[in-house]
Amino acid sequence: FIPLASVHIPPIWCIVAMMPGEFFGT
């Protein structure tokens, strides 16, 4: 997710956007 998301959104956004999915999704 992080490498491909960095094409569309800023670096900090990539990591923050991953947080809810990593926590709730698993």
PDB file of all heavy atoms in Angstrom:
ATOM      1  N   PHE A   1       0.808  -1.220   0.000  1.00  0.00           N
ATOM      2  CA  PHE A   1       0.000   0.000   0.000  1.00  0.00           C
ATOM      3  C   PHE A   1       0.843   1.273   0.000  1.00  0.00           C
ATOM      4  O   PHE A   1       0.596   2.191  -0.790  1.00  0.00           O
ATOM      5  CB  PHE A   1      -0.933   0.021   1.214  1.00  0.00           C
ATOM      6  CG  PHE A   1      -1.756   1.279   1.305  1.00  0.00           C
ATOM      7  CD1 PHE A   1      -2.872   1.451   0.490  1.00  0.00           C
ATOM      8  CD2 PHE A   1      -1.427   2.295   2.180  1.00  0.00           C
ATOM      9  CE1 PHE A   1      -3.627   2.613   0.547  1.00  0.00           C
ATOM     10  CE2 PHE A   1      -2.169   3.456   2.258  1.00  0.00           C
ATOM     11  CZ  PHE A   1      -3.281   3.617   1.436  1.00  0.00           C
ATOM     12  N   ILE A   2       1.846   1.353   0.875  1.00  0.00           N
ATOM     13  CA  ILE A   2       2.598   2.607   1.040  1.00  0.00           C
ATOM     14  C   ILE A   2       3.268   3.056  -0.260  1.00  0.00           C
ATOM     15  O   ILE A   2       3.117   4.217  -0.663  1.00  0.00           O
ATOM     16  CB  ILE A   2       3.635   2.488   2.174  1.00  0.00           C
ATOM     17  CG1 ILE A   2       2.945   2.221   3.520  1.00  0.00           C
ATOM     18  CG2 ILE A   2       4.486   3.756   2.255  1.00  0.00           C
ATOM     19  CD1 ILE A   2       2.138   3.354   4.074  1.00  0.00           C
ATOM     20  N   PRO A   3       4.029   2.190  -0.959  1.00  0.00           N
ATOM     21  CA  PRO A   3       4.654   2.671  -2.204  1.00  0.00           C
ATOM     22  C   PRO A   3       3.644   3.161  -3.232  1.00  0.00           C
ATOM     23  O   PRO A   3       3.824   4.235  -3.825  1.00  0.00           O
ATOM     24  CB  PRO A   3       5.408   1.433  -2.707  1.00  0.00           C
ATOM     25  CG  PRO A   3       5.676   0.624  -1.491  1.00  0.00           C
ATOM     26  CD  PRO A   3       4.457   0.814  -0.632  1.00  0.00           C
ATOM     27  N   LEU A   4       2.569   2.408  -3.460  1.00  0.00           N
ATOM     28  CA  LEU A   4       1.597   2.814  -4.473  1.00  0.00           C
ATOM     29  C   LEU A   4       0.769   4.013  -4.026  1.00  0.00           C
ATOM     30  O   LEU A   4       0.431   4.876  -4.836  1.00  0.00           O
ATOM     31  CB  LEU A   4       0.681   1.636  -4.817  1.00  0.00           C
ATOM     32  CG  LEU A   4       1.326   0.515  -5.631  1.00  0.00           C
ATOM     33  CD1 LEU A   4       0.336  -0.612  -5.857  1.00  0.00           C
ATOM     34  CD2 LEU A   4       1.837   1.036  -6.978  1.00  0.00           C
ATOM     35  N   ALA A   5       0.438   4.084  -2.742  1.00  0.00           N
ATOM     36  CA  ALA A   5      -0.330   5.230  -2.244  1.00  0.00           C
ATOM     37  C   ALA A   5       0.472   6.513  -2.349  1.00  0.00           C
ATOM     38  O   ALA A   5      -0.098   7.598  -2.549  1.00  0.00           O
ATOM     39  CB  ALA A   5      -0.746   4.987  -0.792  1.00  0.00           C
ATOM     40  N   SER A   6       1.810   6.413  -2.248  1.00  0.00           N
ATOM     41  CA  SER A   6       2.645   7.612  -2.305  1.00  0.00           C
ATOM     42  C   SER A   6       2.604   8.281  -3.674  1.00  0.00           C
ATOM     43  O   SER A   6       3.022   9.428  -3.819  1.00  0.00           O
ATOM     44  CB  SER A   6       4.093   7.273  -1.931  1.00  0.00           C
ATOM     45  OG  SER A   6       4.711   6.476  -2.936  1.00  0.00           O
ATOM     46  N   VAL A   7       2.103   7.559  -4.683  1.00  0.00           N
ATOM     47  CA  VAL A   7       1.925   8.151  -6.010  1.00  0.00           C
ATOM     48  C   VAL A   7       0.742   9.118  -5.998  1.00  0.00           C
ATOM     49  O   VAL A   7       0.713  10.085  -6.758  1.00  0.00           O
ATOM     50  CB  VAL A   7       1.697   7.044  -7.063  1.00  0.00           C
ATOM     51  CG1 VAL A   7       1.426   7.641  -8.437  1.00  0.00           C
ATOM     52  CG2 VAL A   7       2.900   6.100  -7.111  1.00  0.00           C
ATOM     53  N   HIS A   8      -0.230   8.889  -5.106  1.00  0.00           N
ATOM     54  CA  HIS A   8      -1.473   9.646  -5.093  1.00  0.00           C
ATOM     55  C   HIS A   8      -1.576  10.660  -3.957  1.00  0.00           C
ATOM     56  O   HIS A   8      -2.231  11.694  -4.112  1.00  0.00           O
ATOM     57  CB  HIS A   8      -2.665   8.689  -5.002  1.00  0.00           C
ATOM     58  CG  HIS A   8      -2.739   7.700  -6.125  1.00  0.00           C
ATOM     59  ND1 HIS A   8      -3.224   8.017  -7.373  1.00  0.00           N
ATOM     60  CD2 HIS A   8      -2.369   6.388  -6.186  1.00  0.00           C
ATOM     61  CE1 HIS A   8      -3.163   6.955  -8.155  1.00  0.00           C
ATOM     62  NE2 HIS A   8      -2.647   5.958  -7.462  1.00  0.00           N
ATOM     63  N   ILE A   9      -0.983  10.367  -2.799  1.00  0.00           N
ATOM     64  CA  ILE A   9      -1.141  11.231  -1.626  1.00  0.00           C
ATOM     65  C   ILE A   9       0.219  11.487  -0.971  1.00  0.00           C
ATOM     66  O   ILE A   9       1.164  10.736  -1.198  1.00  0.00           O
ATOM     67  CB  ILE A   9      -2.119  10.601  -0.602  1.00  0.00           C
ATOM     68  CG1 ILE A   9      -1.698   9.180  -0.235  1.00  0.00           C
ATOM     69  CG2 ILE A   9      -3.551  10.612  -1.142  1.00  0.00           C
ATOM     70  CD1 ILE A   9      -2.613   8.496   0.790  1.00  0.00           C
ATOM     71  N   PRO A  10       0.335  12.544  -0.135  1.00  0.00           N
ATOM     72  CA  PRO A  10       1.609  12.890   0.498  1.00  0.00           C
ATOM     73  C   PRO A  10       2.109  11.792   1.440  1.00  0.00           C
ATOM     74  O   PRO A  10       1.327  10.964   1.919  1.00  0.00           O
ATOM     75  CB  PRO A  10       1.281  14.168   1.283  1.00  0.00           C
ATOM     76  CG  PRO A  10       0.052  14.714   0.655  1.00  0.00           C
ATOM     77  CD  PRO A  10      -0.727  13.526   0.175  1.00  0.00           C
ATOM     78  N   PRO A  11       3.430  11.784   1.731  1.00  0.00           N
ATOM     79  CA  PRO A  11       4.014  10.729   2.555  1.00  0.00           C
ATOM     80  C   PRO A  11       3.330  10.522   3.902  1.00  0.00           C
ATOM     81  O   PRO A  11       3.004   9.381   4.261  1.00  0.00           O
ATOM     82  CB  PRO A  11       5.470  11.203   2.741  1.00  0.00           C
ATOM     83  CG  PRO A  11       5.756  11.988   1.509  1.00  0.00           C
ATOM     84  CD  PRO A  11       4.468  12.681   1.172  1.00  0.00           C
ATOM     85  N   ILE A  12       3.124  11.595   4.659  1.00  0.00           N
ATOM     86  CA  ILE A  12       2.505  11.440   5.977  1.00  0.00           C
ATOM     87  C   ILE A  12       1.100  10.881   5.839  1.00  0.00           C
ATOM     88  O   ILE A  12       0.664  10.034   6.629  1.00  0.00           O
ATOM     89  CB  ILE A  12       2.517  12.778   6.739  1.00  0.00           C
ATOM     90  CG1 ILE A  12       3.954  13.123   7.167  1.00  0.00           C
ATOM     91  CG2 ILE A  12       1.599  12.716   7.963  1.00  0.00           C
ATOM     92  CD1 ILE A  12       4.095  14.450   7.877  1.00  0.00           C
ATOM     93  N   TRP A  13       0.371  11.325   4.805  1.00  0.00           N
ATOM     94  CA  TRP A  13      -0.971  10.800   4.565  1.00  0.00           C
ATOM     95  C   TRP A  13      -0.942   9.288   4.337  1.00  0.00           C
ATOM     96  O   TRP A  13      -1.839   8.570   4.772  1.00  0.00           O
ATOM     97  CB  TRP A  13      -1.589  11.488   3.350  1.00  0.00           C
ATOM     98  CG  TRP A  13      -2.214  12.804   3.630  1.00  0.00           C
ATOM     99  CD1 TRP A  13      -1.714  13.811   4.410  1.00  0.00           C
ATOM    100  CD2 TRP A  13      -3.471  13.272   3.129  1.00  0.00           C
ATOM    101  NE1 TRP A  13      -2.560  14.879   4.414  1.00  0.00           N
ATOM    102  CE2 TRP A  13      -3.642  14.575   3.635  1.00  0.00           C
ATOM    103  CE3 TRP A  13      -4.433  12.719   2.294  1.00  0.00           C
ATOM    104  CZ2 TRP A  13      -4.774  15.333   3.335  1.00  0.00           C
ATOM    105  CZ3 TRP A  13      -5.559  13.476   1.986  1.00  0.00           C
ATOM    106  CH2 TRP A  13      -5.725  14.765   2.511  1.00  0.00           C
ATOM    107  N   CYS A  14       0.061   8.803   3.605  1.00  0.00           N
ATOM    108  CA  CYS A  14       0.155   7.360   3.321  1.00  0.00           C
ATOM    109  C   CYS A  14       0.134   6.552   4.605  1.00  0.00           C
ATOM    110  O   CYS A  14      -0.574   5.545   4.719  1.00  0.00           O
ATOM    111  CB  CYS A  14       1.445   7.053   2.559  1.00  0.00           C
ATOM    112  SG  CYS A  14       1.521   7.730   0.898  1.00  0.00           S
ATOM    113  N   ILE A  15       0.923   7.001   5.573  1.00  0.00           N
ATOM    114  CA  ILE A  15       1.047   6.256   6.817  1.00  0.00           C
ATOM    115  C   ILE A  15      -0.203   6.405   7.669  1.00  0.00           C
ATOM    116  O   ILE A  15      -0.718   5.430   8.223  1.00  0.00           O
ATOM    117  CB  ILE A  15       2.306   6.718   7.580  1.00  0.00           C
ATOM    118  CG1 ILE A  15       3.548   6.510   6.706  1.00  0.00           C
ATOM    119  CG2 ILE A  15       2.449   5.954   8.895  1.00  0.00           C
ATOM    120  CD1 ILE A  15       4.819   7.074   7.299  1.00  0.00           C
ATOM    121  N   VAL A  16      -0.707   7.641   7.775  1.00  0.00           N
ATOM    122  CA  VAL A  16      -1.911   7.879   8.583  1.00  0.00           C
ATOM    123  C   VAL A  16      -3.102   7.127   7.991  1.00  0.00           C
ATOM    124  O   VAL A  16      -3.904   6.528   8.719  1.00  0.00           O
ATOM    125  CB  VAL A  16      -2.214   9.384   8.686  1.00  0.00           C
ATOM    126  CG1 VAL A  16      -3.541   9.622   9.404  1.00  0.00           C
ATOM    127  CG2 VAL A  16      -1.084  10.107   9.420  1.00  0.00           C
ATOM    128  N   ALA A  17      -3.222   7.132   6.659  1.00  0.00           N
ATOM    129  CA  ALA A  17      -4.350   6.452   6.006  1.00  0.00           C
ATOM    130  C   ALA A  17      -4.298   4.940   6.197  1.00  0.00           C
ATOM    131  O   ALA A  17      -5.325   4.267   6.135  1.00  0.00           O
ATOM    132  CB  ALA A  17      -4.371   6.786   4.515  1.00  0.00           C
ATOM    133  N   MET A  18      -3.114   4.419   6.446  1.00  0.00           N
ATOM    134  CA  MET A  18      -2.966   2.972   6.645  1.00  0.00           C
ATOM    135  C   MET A  18      -3.379   2.545   8.052  1.00  0.00           C
ATOM    136  O   MET A  18      -3.737   1.384   8.279  1.00  0.00           O
ATOM    137  CB  MET A  18      -1.507   2.585   6.392  1.00  0.00           C
ATOM    138  CG  MET A  18      -1.220   1.101   6.325  1.00  0.00           C
ATOM    139  SD  MET A  18      -1.772   0.386   4.765  1.00  0.00           S
ATOM    140  CE  MET A  18      -1.428  -1.339   5.035  1.00  0.00           C
ATOM    141  N   MET A  19      -3.338   3.483   9.003  1.00  0.00           N
ATOM    142  CA  MET A  19      -3.537   3.124  10.407  1.00  0.00           C
ATOM    143  C   MET A  19      -4.885   2.470  10.699  1.00  0.00           C
ATOM    144  O   MET A  19      -4.930   1.385  11.302  1.00  0.00           O
ATOM    145  CB  MET A  19      -3.357   4.361  11.290  1.00  0.00           C
ATOM    146  CG  MET A  19      -1.953   4.872  11.391  1.00  0.00           C
ATOM    147  SD  MET A  19      -1.887   6.336  12.460  1.00  0.00           S
ATOM    148  CE  MET A  19      -0.186   6.839  12.214  1.00  0.00           C
ATOM    149  N   PRO A  20      -6.022   3.089  10.321  1.00  0.00           N
ATOM    150  CA  PRO A  20      -7.307   2.467  10.678  1.00  0.00           C
ATOM    151  C   PRO A  20      -7.484   1.082  10.068  1.00  0.00           C
ATOM    152  O   PRO A  20      -7.966   0.161  10.738  1.00  0.00           O
ATOM    153  CB  PRO A  20      -8.343   3.456  10.119  1.00  0.00           C
ATOM    154  CG  PRO A  20      -7.620   4.765  10.027  1.00  0.00           C
ATOM    155  CD  PRO A  20      -6.226   4.401   9.662  1.00  0.00           C
ATOM    156  N   GLY A  21      -7.088   0.928   8.801  1.00  0.00           N
ATOM    157  CA  GLY A  21      -7.231  -0.373   8.157  1.00  0.00           C
ATOM    158  C   GLY A  21      -6.383  -1.435   8.826  1.00  0.00           C
ATOM    159  O   GLY A  21      -6.834  -2.571   9.032  1.00  0.00           O
ATOM    160  N   GLU A  22      -5.137  -1.099   9.161  1.00  0.00           N
ATOM    161  CA  GLU A  22      -4.252  -2.061   9.813  1.00  0.00           C
ATOM    162  C   GLU A  22      -4.809  -2.484  11.163  1.00  0.00           C
ATOM    163  O   GLU A  22      -4.700  -3.650  11.557  1.00  0.00           O
ATOM    164  CB  GLU A  22      -2.848  -1.455   9.994  1.00  0.00           C
ATOM    165  CG  GLU A  22      -2.023  -1.391   8.730  1.00  0.00           C
ATOM    166  CD  GLU A  22      -1.344  -2.707   8.432  1.00  0.00           C
ATOM    167  OE1 GLU A  22      -1.940  -3.769   8.727  1.00  0.00           O
ATOM    168  OE2 GLU A  22      -0.235  -2.692   7.908  1.00  0.00           O
ATOM    169  N   PHE A  23      -5.425  -1.524  11.875  1.00  0.00           N
ATOM    170  CA  PHE A  23      -5.936  -1.851  13.211  1.00  0.00           C
ATOM    171  C   PHE A  23      -7.272  -2.589  13.147  1.00  0.00           C
ATOM    172  O   PHE A  23      -7.404  -3.715  13.616  1.00  0.00           O
ATOM    173  CB  PHE A  23      -6.084  -0.578  14.044  1.00  0.00           C
ATOM    174  CG  PHE A  23      -6.552  -0.847  15.443  1.00  0.00           C
ATOM    175  CD1 PHE A  23      -5.693  -1.392  16.382  1.00  0.00           C
ATOM    176  CD2 PHE A  23      -7.855  -0.559  15.830  1.00  0.00           C
ATOM    177  CE1 PHE A  23      -6.123  -1.658  17.674  1.00  0.00           C
ATOM    178  CE2 PHE A  23      -8.297  -0.815  17.111  1.00  0.00           C
ATOM    179  CZ  PHE A  23      -7.429  -1.365  18.041  1.00  0.00           C
ATOM    180  N   PHE A  24      -8.271  -1.963  12.524  1.00  0.00           N
ATOM    181  CA  PHE A  24      -9.608  -2.557  12.502  1.00  0.00           C
ATOM    182  C   PHE A  24      -9.712  -3.735  11.532  1.00  0.00           C
ATOM    183  O   PHE A  24     -10.427  -4.704  11.794  1.00  0.00           O
ATOM    184  CB  PHE A  24     -10.652  -1.495  12.126  1.00  0.00           C
ATOM    185  CG  PHE A  24     -10.815  -0.421  13.166  1.00  0.00           C
ATOM    186  CD1 PHE A  24     -10.365   0.864  12.913  1.00  0.00           C
ATOM    187  CD2 PHE A  24     -11.395  -0.699  14.391  1.00  0.00           C
ATOM    188  CE1 PHE A  24     -10.507   1.867  13.865  1.00  0.00           C
ATOM    189  CE2 PHE A  24     -11.533   0.283  15.353  1.00  0.00           C
ATOM    190  CZ  PHE A  24     -11.089   1.572  15.098  1.00  0.00           C
ATOM    191  N   GLY A  25      -9.010  -3.632  10.398  1.00  0.00           N
ATOM    192  CA  GLY A  25      -9.124  -4.676   9.385  1.00  0.00           C
ATOM    193  C   GLY A  25      -8.559  -6.005   9.818  1.00  0.00           C
ATOM    194  O   GLY A  25      -8.945  -7.054   9.297  1.00  0.00           O
ATOM    195  N   THR A  26      -7.632  -5.990  10.780  1.00  0.00           N
ATOM    196  CA  THR A  26      -7.017  -7.248  11.209  1.00  0.00           C
ATOM    197  C   THR A  26      -7.558  -7.743  12.550  1.00  0.00           C
ATOM    198  O   THR A  26      -7.161  -8.822  13.001  1.00  0.00           O
ATOM    199  CB  THR A  26      -5.485  -7.089  11.312  1.00  0.00           C
ATOM    200  OG1 THR A  26      -5.190  -6.011  12.206  1.00  0.00           O
ATOM    201  CG2 THR A  26      -4.877  -6.795   9.961  1.00  0.00           C
TER     202      THR A  26
END
